[in-house]
Amino acid sequence: MNWITNYVRPRINSLFSRREVPENLWSKCPECGTMLFHRELAENLNVCTNCDHHMQISPRERFAALFDGGAFVEVKVPEPIADPLQFRDQKKYPERMKAAQKSTGEKEAMLVAEGDIGRTPIIAAAQDFSFMAGSMGMYVGNAIIAAAERAVKTNRPLVLFSAAGGARMQEGILSLMQMPRTTVAVEMLREAGLPYIVVLTHPTTGGVTASYAMLGDIQISEPNALICFAGPRVIEQTIREKLPEGFQRAEYLLEHGMLDRVTHRKDLRDELISVLRMLGNLPAPTKGDLPAPTPEELAAAAVPAEPAKAEAPAKTGG
């Protein structure tokens, strides 16, 4: 009986037991609830194939789709003082930072890079909402200043992708000081005559909206992105009135003149290339390269063409 219990039964159970599917293979769309296969979702730039809902995308994934060949070089950002206020709520601030770094694989909430987009050299900065809600702290302020300084030094336009829940409360007044600092950085670009384009993604709120996110020469947004200073729930509780449908969403702001464009993520790269080349007084973008000639075509081109034979003059009757 022990032999059957200890050996035969486990073998039979292993043959017919249900294999568990890894959790990271499927993602559920928060808008329509459709289950999306991870490879299909990645190929569609984290946009739901059923309802077109634009999900969050990391800065590295965005840059891989944005730059030519997915190649870019990171711009070094000065390190700020760690935990300047010795802040603690339910956890210590350094503990929250370590948890965010472990879950995202990034050092902080903003990534700055340089590269070519449609053969147009640019500096790009992108916020990571997965890192402590993309909150604006001293590092984010340093990152924007580093991006602006690099843009001025290399004479390149700056493209910024915003995604934030506002200022970082763990840094208190120091996080609010990044609003004037980043405004000065944008003014550096203006004085140098360089374009500054902002792409607002879902969500962009709080002090980020009140500073560098709304100072672009061109303001573009992804569809249905929430863009605001105070959220709609806070406003409704304050004024005790029901807000209009779609209030503070990208389409509503476009209709009321706060945005220039609302562009689907798959069309965003082409639109940025066109806008950047127009602002830089450059020729129209190249849509694609012609394929290299085959050896047969090269050989045929190397053979000189035979000269055409002259026609004999027609005889006239005498």
Protein backbone atom coordinates (compact mmCIF):
# COMPACT_ATOMS: atom_id res chain seq x y z
CA MET A 1 0.00 0.00 0.00
CA ASN A 2 2.89 2.35 0.76
CA TRP A 3 4.33 1.72 -2.69
CA ILE A 4 1.05 2.70 -4.35
CA THR A 5 0.58 5.73 -2.10
CA ASN A 6 4.13 6.98 -2.26
CA TYR A 7 5.00 6.28 -5.88
CA VAL A 8 2.13 5.29 -8.19
CA ARG A 9 -0.44 7.88 -7.12
CA PRO A 10 1.97 10.87 -7.31
CA ARG A 11 3.06 9.72 -10.79
CA ILE A 12 -0.56 9.56 -12.01
CA ASN A 13 -1.35 12.95 -10.46
CA SER A 14 1.68 14.50 -12.13
CA LEU A 15 0.54 13.24 -15.53
CA PHE A 16 -2.98 14.62 -15.25
CA SER A 17 -2.40 17.64 -13.03
CA ARG A 18 -3.17 21.04 -14.53
CA ARG A 19 -0.10 23.08 -15.36
CA GLU A 20 -0.17 26.61 -14.06
CA VAL A 21 0.26 29.42 -16.59
CA PRO A 22 2.80 32.12 -15.60
CA GLU A 23 1.03 35.30 -14.50
CA ASN A 24 3.11 37.61 -16.69
CA LEU A 25 1.88 36.10 -19.98
CA TRP A 26 -1.46 37.92 -19.95
CA SER A 27 -2.54 41.45 -19.08
CA LYS A 28 -6.04 42.69 -18.45
CA CYS A 29 -7.11 45.94 -20.08
CA PRO A 30 -8.30 48.27 -17.28
CA GLU A 31 -10.80 49.92 -19.64
CA CYS A 32 -12.65 47.02 -21.33
CA GLY A 33 -11.41 44.00 -19.34
CA THR A 34 -10.03 42.11 -22.36
CA MET A 35 -7.23 39.65 -21.62
CA LEU A 36 -4.26 40.50 -23.86
CA PHE A 37 -1.30 38.25 -24.63
CA HIS A 38 1.93 39.94 -23.55
CA ARG A 39 3.67 39.60 -26.93
CA GLU A 40 0.69 40.99 -28.83
CA LEU A 41 0.41 43.87 -26.36
CA ALA A 42 4.12 44.73 -26.65
CA GLU A 43 3.94 44.74 -30.45
CA ASN A 44 1.02 47.19 -30.22
CA LEU A 45 3.04 49.56 -27.95
CA ASN A 46 0.94 48.73 -24.85
CA VAL A 47 -2.29 49.83 -26.53
CA CYS A 48 -5.33 47.58 -26.12
CA THR A 49 -6.16 45.86 -29.42
CA ASN A 50 -9.85 45.76 -28.51
CA CYS A 51 -10.73 49.26 -27.25
CA ASP A 52 -7.55 51.26 -28.13
CA HIS A 53 -6.95 52.15 -24.47
CA HIS A 54 -3.41 53.50 -24.00
CA MET A 55 -1.80 51.69 -21.08
CA GLN A 56 1.33 52.83 -19.27
CA ILE A 57 4.63 52.22 -21.01
CA SER A 58 8.09 52.45 -19.47
CA PRO A 59 10.57 55.07 -20.70
CA ARG A 60 12.91 52.40 -22.10
CA GLU A 61 10.11 50.74 -24.06
CA ARG A 62 9.01 54.15 -25.35
CA PHE A 63 12.53 55.11 -26.39
CA ALA A 64 13.07 51.75 -28.10
CA ALA A 65 10.05 52.49 -30.31
CA LEU A 66 10.89 56.19 -30.72
CA PHE A 67 14.57 56.32 -31.73
CA ASP A 68 15.91 55.07 -35.06
CA GLY A 69 16.71 51.38 -34.65
CA GLY A 70 15.84 51.65 -30.95
CA ALA A 71 19.36 53.01 -30.32
CA PHE A 72 19.92 55.80 -27.78
CA VAL A 73 22.52 56.97 -25.29
CA GLU A 74 21.56 57.87 -21.72
CA VAL A 75 22.37 61.38 -20.48
CA LYS A 76 23.94 61.45 -17.03
CA VAL A 77 21.83 63.13 -14.35
CA PRO A 78 23.42 64.60 -11.18
CA GLU A 79 22.50 62.70 -8.03
CA PRO A 80 20.59 64.73 -5.40
CA ILE A 81 20.87 64.34 -1.63
CA ALA A 82 19.21 61.10 -0.53
CA ASP A 83 16.37 61.53 2.00
CA PRO A 84 17.11 65.20 2.85
CA LEU A 85 14.18 65.48 5.31
CA GLN A 86 14.58 62.06 6.99
CA PHE A 87 10.93 61.53 6.03
CA ARG A 88 8.92 58.62 7.33
CA ASP A 89 5.25 57.68 6.99
CA GLN A 90 4.29 53.99 7.18
CA LYS A 91 7.75 53.27 5.75
CA LYS A 92 11.00 55.17 5.60
CA TYR A 93 11.64 57.09 2.39
CA PRO A 94 14.79 55.05 1.51
CA GLU A 95 12.76 51.85 1.87
CA ARG A 96 10.16 53.14 -0.59
CA MET A 97 12.92 54.13 -2.99
CA LYS A 98 14.51 50.66 -2.84
CA ALA A 99 11.14 49.01 -3.45
CA ALA A 100 10.47 51.24 -6.47
CA GLN A 101 13.96 50.61 -7.88
CA LYS A 102 13.52 46.87 -7.48
CA SER A 103 10.08 46.76 -9.13
CA THR A 104 10.97 49.01 -12.08
CA GLY A 105 14.67 48.32 -12.55
CA GLU A 106 15.27 52.08 -12.82
CA LYS A 107 17.23 54.45 -10.63
CA GLU A 108 14.53 57.14 -10.52
CA ALA A 109 11.32 58.42 -12.07
CA MET A 110 12.83 60.05 -15.19
CA LEU A 111 15.09 58.81 -17.97
CA VAL A 112 17.01 61.21 -20.25
CA ALA A 113 18.50 60.07 -23.56
CA GLU A 114 19.87 61.37 -26.84
CA GLY A 115 19.64 59.86 -30.30
CA ASP A 116 18.10 60.25 -33.75
CA ILE A 117 14.45 60.11 -34.65
CA GLY A 118 13.85 60.01 -38.39
CA ARG A 119 17.50 61.09 -38.83
CA THR A 120 16.77 64.14 -36.69
CA PRO A 121 19.01 64.37 -33.59
CA ILE A 122 17.08 65.12 -30.39
CA ILE A 123 17.24 64.97 -26.60
CA ALA A 124 14.35 63.10 -24.99
CA ALA A 125 13.16 62.82 -21.38
CA ALA A 126 10.42 60.51 -20.14
CA GLN A 127 8.78 59.99 -16.76
CA ASP A 128 8.03 56.54 -15.40
CA PHE A 129 4.65 56.47 -13.64
CA SER A 130 5.48 53.03 -12.23
CA PHE A 131 8.23 54.63 -10.13
CA MET A 132 6.41 56.16 -7.14
CA ALA A 133 3.68 57.46 -9.49
CA GLY A 134 6.26 59.40 -11.51
CA SER A 135 6.39 61.92 -8.68
CA MET A 136 8.51 65.03 -9.18
CA GLY A 137 11.37 65.15 -6.75
CA MET A 138 14.84 66.66 -6.84
CA TYR A 139 16.11 63.98 -9.23
CA VAL A 140 13.38 64.79 -11.77
CA GLY A 141 14.29 68.49 -11.52
CA ASN A 142 17.96 67.63 -12.05
CA ALA A 143 17.02 65.41 -15.01
CA ILE A 144 15.11 68.17 -16.80
CA ILE A 145 17.92 70.66 -16.22
CA ALA A 146 20.47 68.10 -17.49
CA ALA A 147 18.29 67.48 -20.57
CA ALA A 148 17.98 71.22 -21.28
CA GLU A 149 21.70 71.84 -20.81
CA ARG A 150 22.56 68.92 -23.10
CA ALA A 151 20.09 70.19 -25.70
CA VAL A 152 21.66 73.67 -25.65
CA LYS A 153 25.19 72.24 -25.79
CA THR A 154 24.45 69.98 -28.78
CA ASN A 155 21.95 72.37 -30.41
CA ARG A 156 19.17 69.77 -30.37
CA PRO A 157 15.43 70.08 -29.65
CA LEU A 158 14.02 68.59 -26.45
CA VAL A 159 11.05 66.21 -26.44
CA LEU A 160 9.56 65.45 -23.01
CA PHE A 161 7.03 62.73 -22.15
CA SER A 162 5.19 63.56 -18.92
CA ALA A 163 3.41 61.07 -16.65
CA ALA A 164 3.11 61.99 -12.99
CA GLY A 165 0.89 62.11 -9.96
CA GLY A 166 2.42 65.45 -8.90
CA ALA A 167 5.20 66.46 -6.51
CA ARG A 168 6.88 63.93 -4.22
CA MET A 169 5.60 64.47 -0.71
CA GLN A 170 8.61 62.71 0.87
CA GLU A 171 10.77 65.66 -0.20
CA GLY A 172 8.34 68.35 0.97
CA ILE A 173 9.12 71.92 -0.09
CA LEU A 174 12.22 70.68 -1.96
CA SER A 175 9.97 68.92 -4.47
CA LEU A 176 7.92 72.10 -4.98
CA MET A 177 11.15 74.00 -5.69
CA GLN A 178 11.52 71.91 -8.85
CA MET A 179 8.65 73.86 -10.44
CA PRO A 180 10.64 77.13 -10.81
CA ARG A 181 13.86 75.21 -11.52
CA THR A 182 12.32 73.36 -14.47
CA THR A 183 10.69 76.58 -15.69
CA VAL A 184 14.15 78.18 -15.84
CA ALA A 185 15.41 75.13 -17.76
CA VAL A 186 12.67 75.58 -20.36
CA GLU A 187 13.58 79.26 -20.62
CA MET A 188 17.16 78.21 -21.45
CA LEU A 189 15.81 76.39 -24.50
CA ARG A 190 13.76 79.45 -25.53
CA GLU A 191 16.78 81.73 -25.32
CA ALA A 192 18.79 79.28 -27.45
CA GLY A 193 15.99 79.16 -30.03
CA LEU A 194 15.50 75.40 -29.63
CA PRO A 195 12.09 73.67 -29.91
CA TYR A 196 10.58 72.19 -26.76
CA ILE A 197 7.82 69.65 -27.41
CA VAL A 198 5.77 68.07 -24.62
CA VAL A 199 3.85 64.81 -25.00
CA LEU A 200 1.37 64.49 -22.15
CA THR A 201 0.47 60.91 -21.24
CA HIS A 202 -1.99 59.43 -18.78
CA PRO A 203 -1.97 60.76 -16.11
CA THR A 204 -0.23 64.14 -15.90
CA THR A 205 -1.34 65.95 -12.75
CA GLY A 206 -0.34 68.26 -9.90
CA GLY A 207 2.80 70.37 -9.87
CA VAL A 208 4.07 68.73 -13.06
CA THR A 209 1.09 70.14 -14.97
CA ALA A 210 1.65 73.49 -13.26
CA SER A 211 5.24 73.72 -14.51
CA TYR A 212 7.22 72.10 -17.33
CA ALA A 213 4.41 69.91 -18.71
CA MET A 214 2.40 72.90 -19.99
CA LEU A 215 5.28 75.07 -21.26
CA GLY A 216 5.95 73.35 -24.58
CA ASP A 217 6.07 75.11 -27.93
CA ILE A 218 3.88 72.24 -29.14
CA GLN A 219 1.55 70.38 -26.75
CA ILE A 220 0.64 66.85 -27.87
CA SER A 221 -1.30 64.29 -25.87
CA GLU A 222 -2.14 60.62 -26.12
CA PRO A 223 -5.88 59.80 -26.39
CA ASN A 224 -8.03 60.01 -23.25
CA ALA A 225 -5.11 61.06 -21.02
CA LEU A 226 -6.06 62.73 -17.72
CA ILE A 227 -4.37 66.15 -17.62
CA CYS A 228 -5.07 68.41 -14.65
CA PHE A 229 -3.75 70.14 -11.55
CA ALA A 230 -6.42 68.99 -9.09
CA GLY A 231 -8.32 65.82 -9.93
CA PRO A 232 -12.02 65.84 -10.93
CA ARG A 233 -13.10 64.20 -7.66
CA VAL A 234 -11.44 66.97 -5.60
CA ILE A 235 -13.03 69.67 -7.75
CA GLU A 236 -16.49 68.11 -7.47
CA GLN A 237 -16.20 67.92 -3.68
CA THR A 238 -15.03 71.56 -3.56
CA ILE A 239 -17.61 73.22 -5.84
CA ARG A 240 -20.36 70.65 -5.11
CA GLU A 241 -21.34 70.41 -8.77
CA LYS A 242 -21.25 67.65 -11.38
CA LEU A 243 -18.46 68.17 -13.92
CA PRO A 244 -18.99 67.86 -17.70
CA GLU A 245 -18.49 64.51 -19.40
CA GLY A 246 -14.83 63.92 -20.25
CA PHE A 247 -13.70 66.89 -18.15
CA GLN A 248 -9.88 67.18 -17.95
CA ARG A 249 -9.37 64.49 -20.57
CA ALA A 250 -7.17 65.11 -23.60
CA GLU A 251 -10.03 65.50 -26.08
CA TYR A 252 -11.81 68.00 -23.82
CA LEU A 253 -8.62 70.07 -23.44
CA LEU A 254 -8.00 69.97 -27.21
CA GLU A 255 -11.52 71.27 -27.81
CA HIS A 256 -10.91 74.12 -25.34
CA GLY A 257 -7.54 75.18 -26.77
CA MET A 258 -5.13 73.81 -24.16
CA LEU A 259 -3.60 71.23 -26.50
CA ASP A 260 -2.41 71.33 -30.10
CA ARG A 261 -2.88 67.67 -30.97
CA VAL A 262 -4.22 64.37 -29.65
CA THR A 263 -2.27 61.60 -31.35
CA HIS A 264 -2.44 57.81 -31.20
CA ARG A 265 0.74 56.22 -29.87
CA LYS A 266 1.43 54.33 -33.09
CA ASP A 267 1.30 57.62 -35.06
CA LEU A 268 3.26 59.66 -32.53
CA ARG A 269 6.75 59.00 -33.89
CA ASP A 270 5.88 60.11 -37.44
CA GLU A 271 4.14 63.22 -36.12
CA LEU A 272 7.09 64.17 -33.93
CA ILE A 273 9.47 63.75 -36.87
CA SER A 274 7.34 66.03 -39.07
CA VAL A 275 6.96 68.70 -36.36
CA LEU A 276 10.66 68.64 -35.43
CA ARG A 277 11.81 68.98 -39.02
CA MET A 278 9.38 71.83 -39.68
CA LEU A 279 10.50 73.71 -36.57
CA GLY A 280 14.13 73.12 -37.50
CA ASN A 281 13.67 74.34 -41.10
CA LEU A 282 14.78 70.93 -42.36
CA PRO A 283 13.65 69.07 -45.52
CA ALA A 284 10.62 66.81 -45.34
CA PRO A 285 11.27 63.50 -43.52
CA THR A 286 12.45 60.44 -45.42
CA LYS A 287 9.80 57.76 -45.18
CA GLY A 288 12.13 54.89 -46.08
CA ASP A 289 15.34 53.90 -47.81
CA LEU A 290 15.45 52.23 -51.20
CA PRO A 291 16.73 48.62 -51.05
CA ALA A 292 20.34 48.02 -52.02
CA PRO A 293 20.78 46.96 -55.68
CA THR A 294 21.28 43.25 -56.34
CA PRO A 295 24.52 41.97 -57.95
CA GLU A 296 22.60 41.35 -61.20
CA GLU A 297 21.36 44.96 -61.25
CA LEU A 298 24.88 46.25 -60.58
CA ALA A 299 26.30 44.07 -63.40
CA ALA A 300 23.61 45.25 -65.82
CA ALA A 301 24.31 48.88 -64.93
CA ALA A 302 28.04 48.39 -65.57
CA VAL A 303 27.53 47.17 -69.19
CA PRO A 304 27.54 50.17 -71.58
CA ALA A 305 24.49 50.45 -73.77
CA GLU A 306 24.97 49.87 -77.51
CA PRO A 307 24.80 53.06 -79.62
CA ALA A 308 21.64 53.39 -81.66
CA LYS A 309 22.06 52.81 -85.43
CA ALA A 310 21.36 55.79 -87.64
CA GLU A 311 18.52 55.23 -90.09
CA ALA A 312 19.34 55.45 -93.83
CA PRO A 313 17.82 58.44 -95.62
CA ALA A 314 14.72 57.59 -97.60
CA LYS A 315 15.13 57.49 -101.42
CA THR A 316 13.17 60.03 -103.40
CA GLY A 317 11.74 59.25 -106.82
CA GLY A 318 13.53 60.85 -109.86
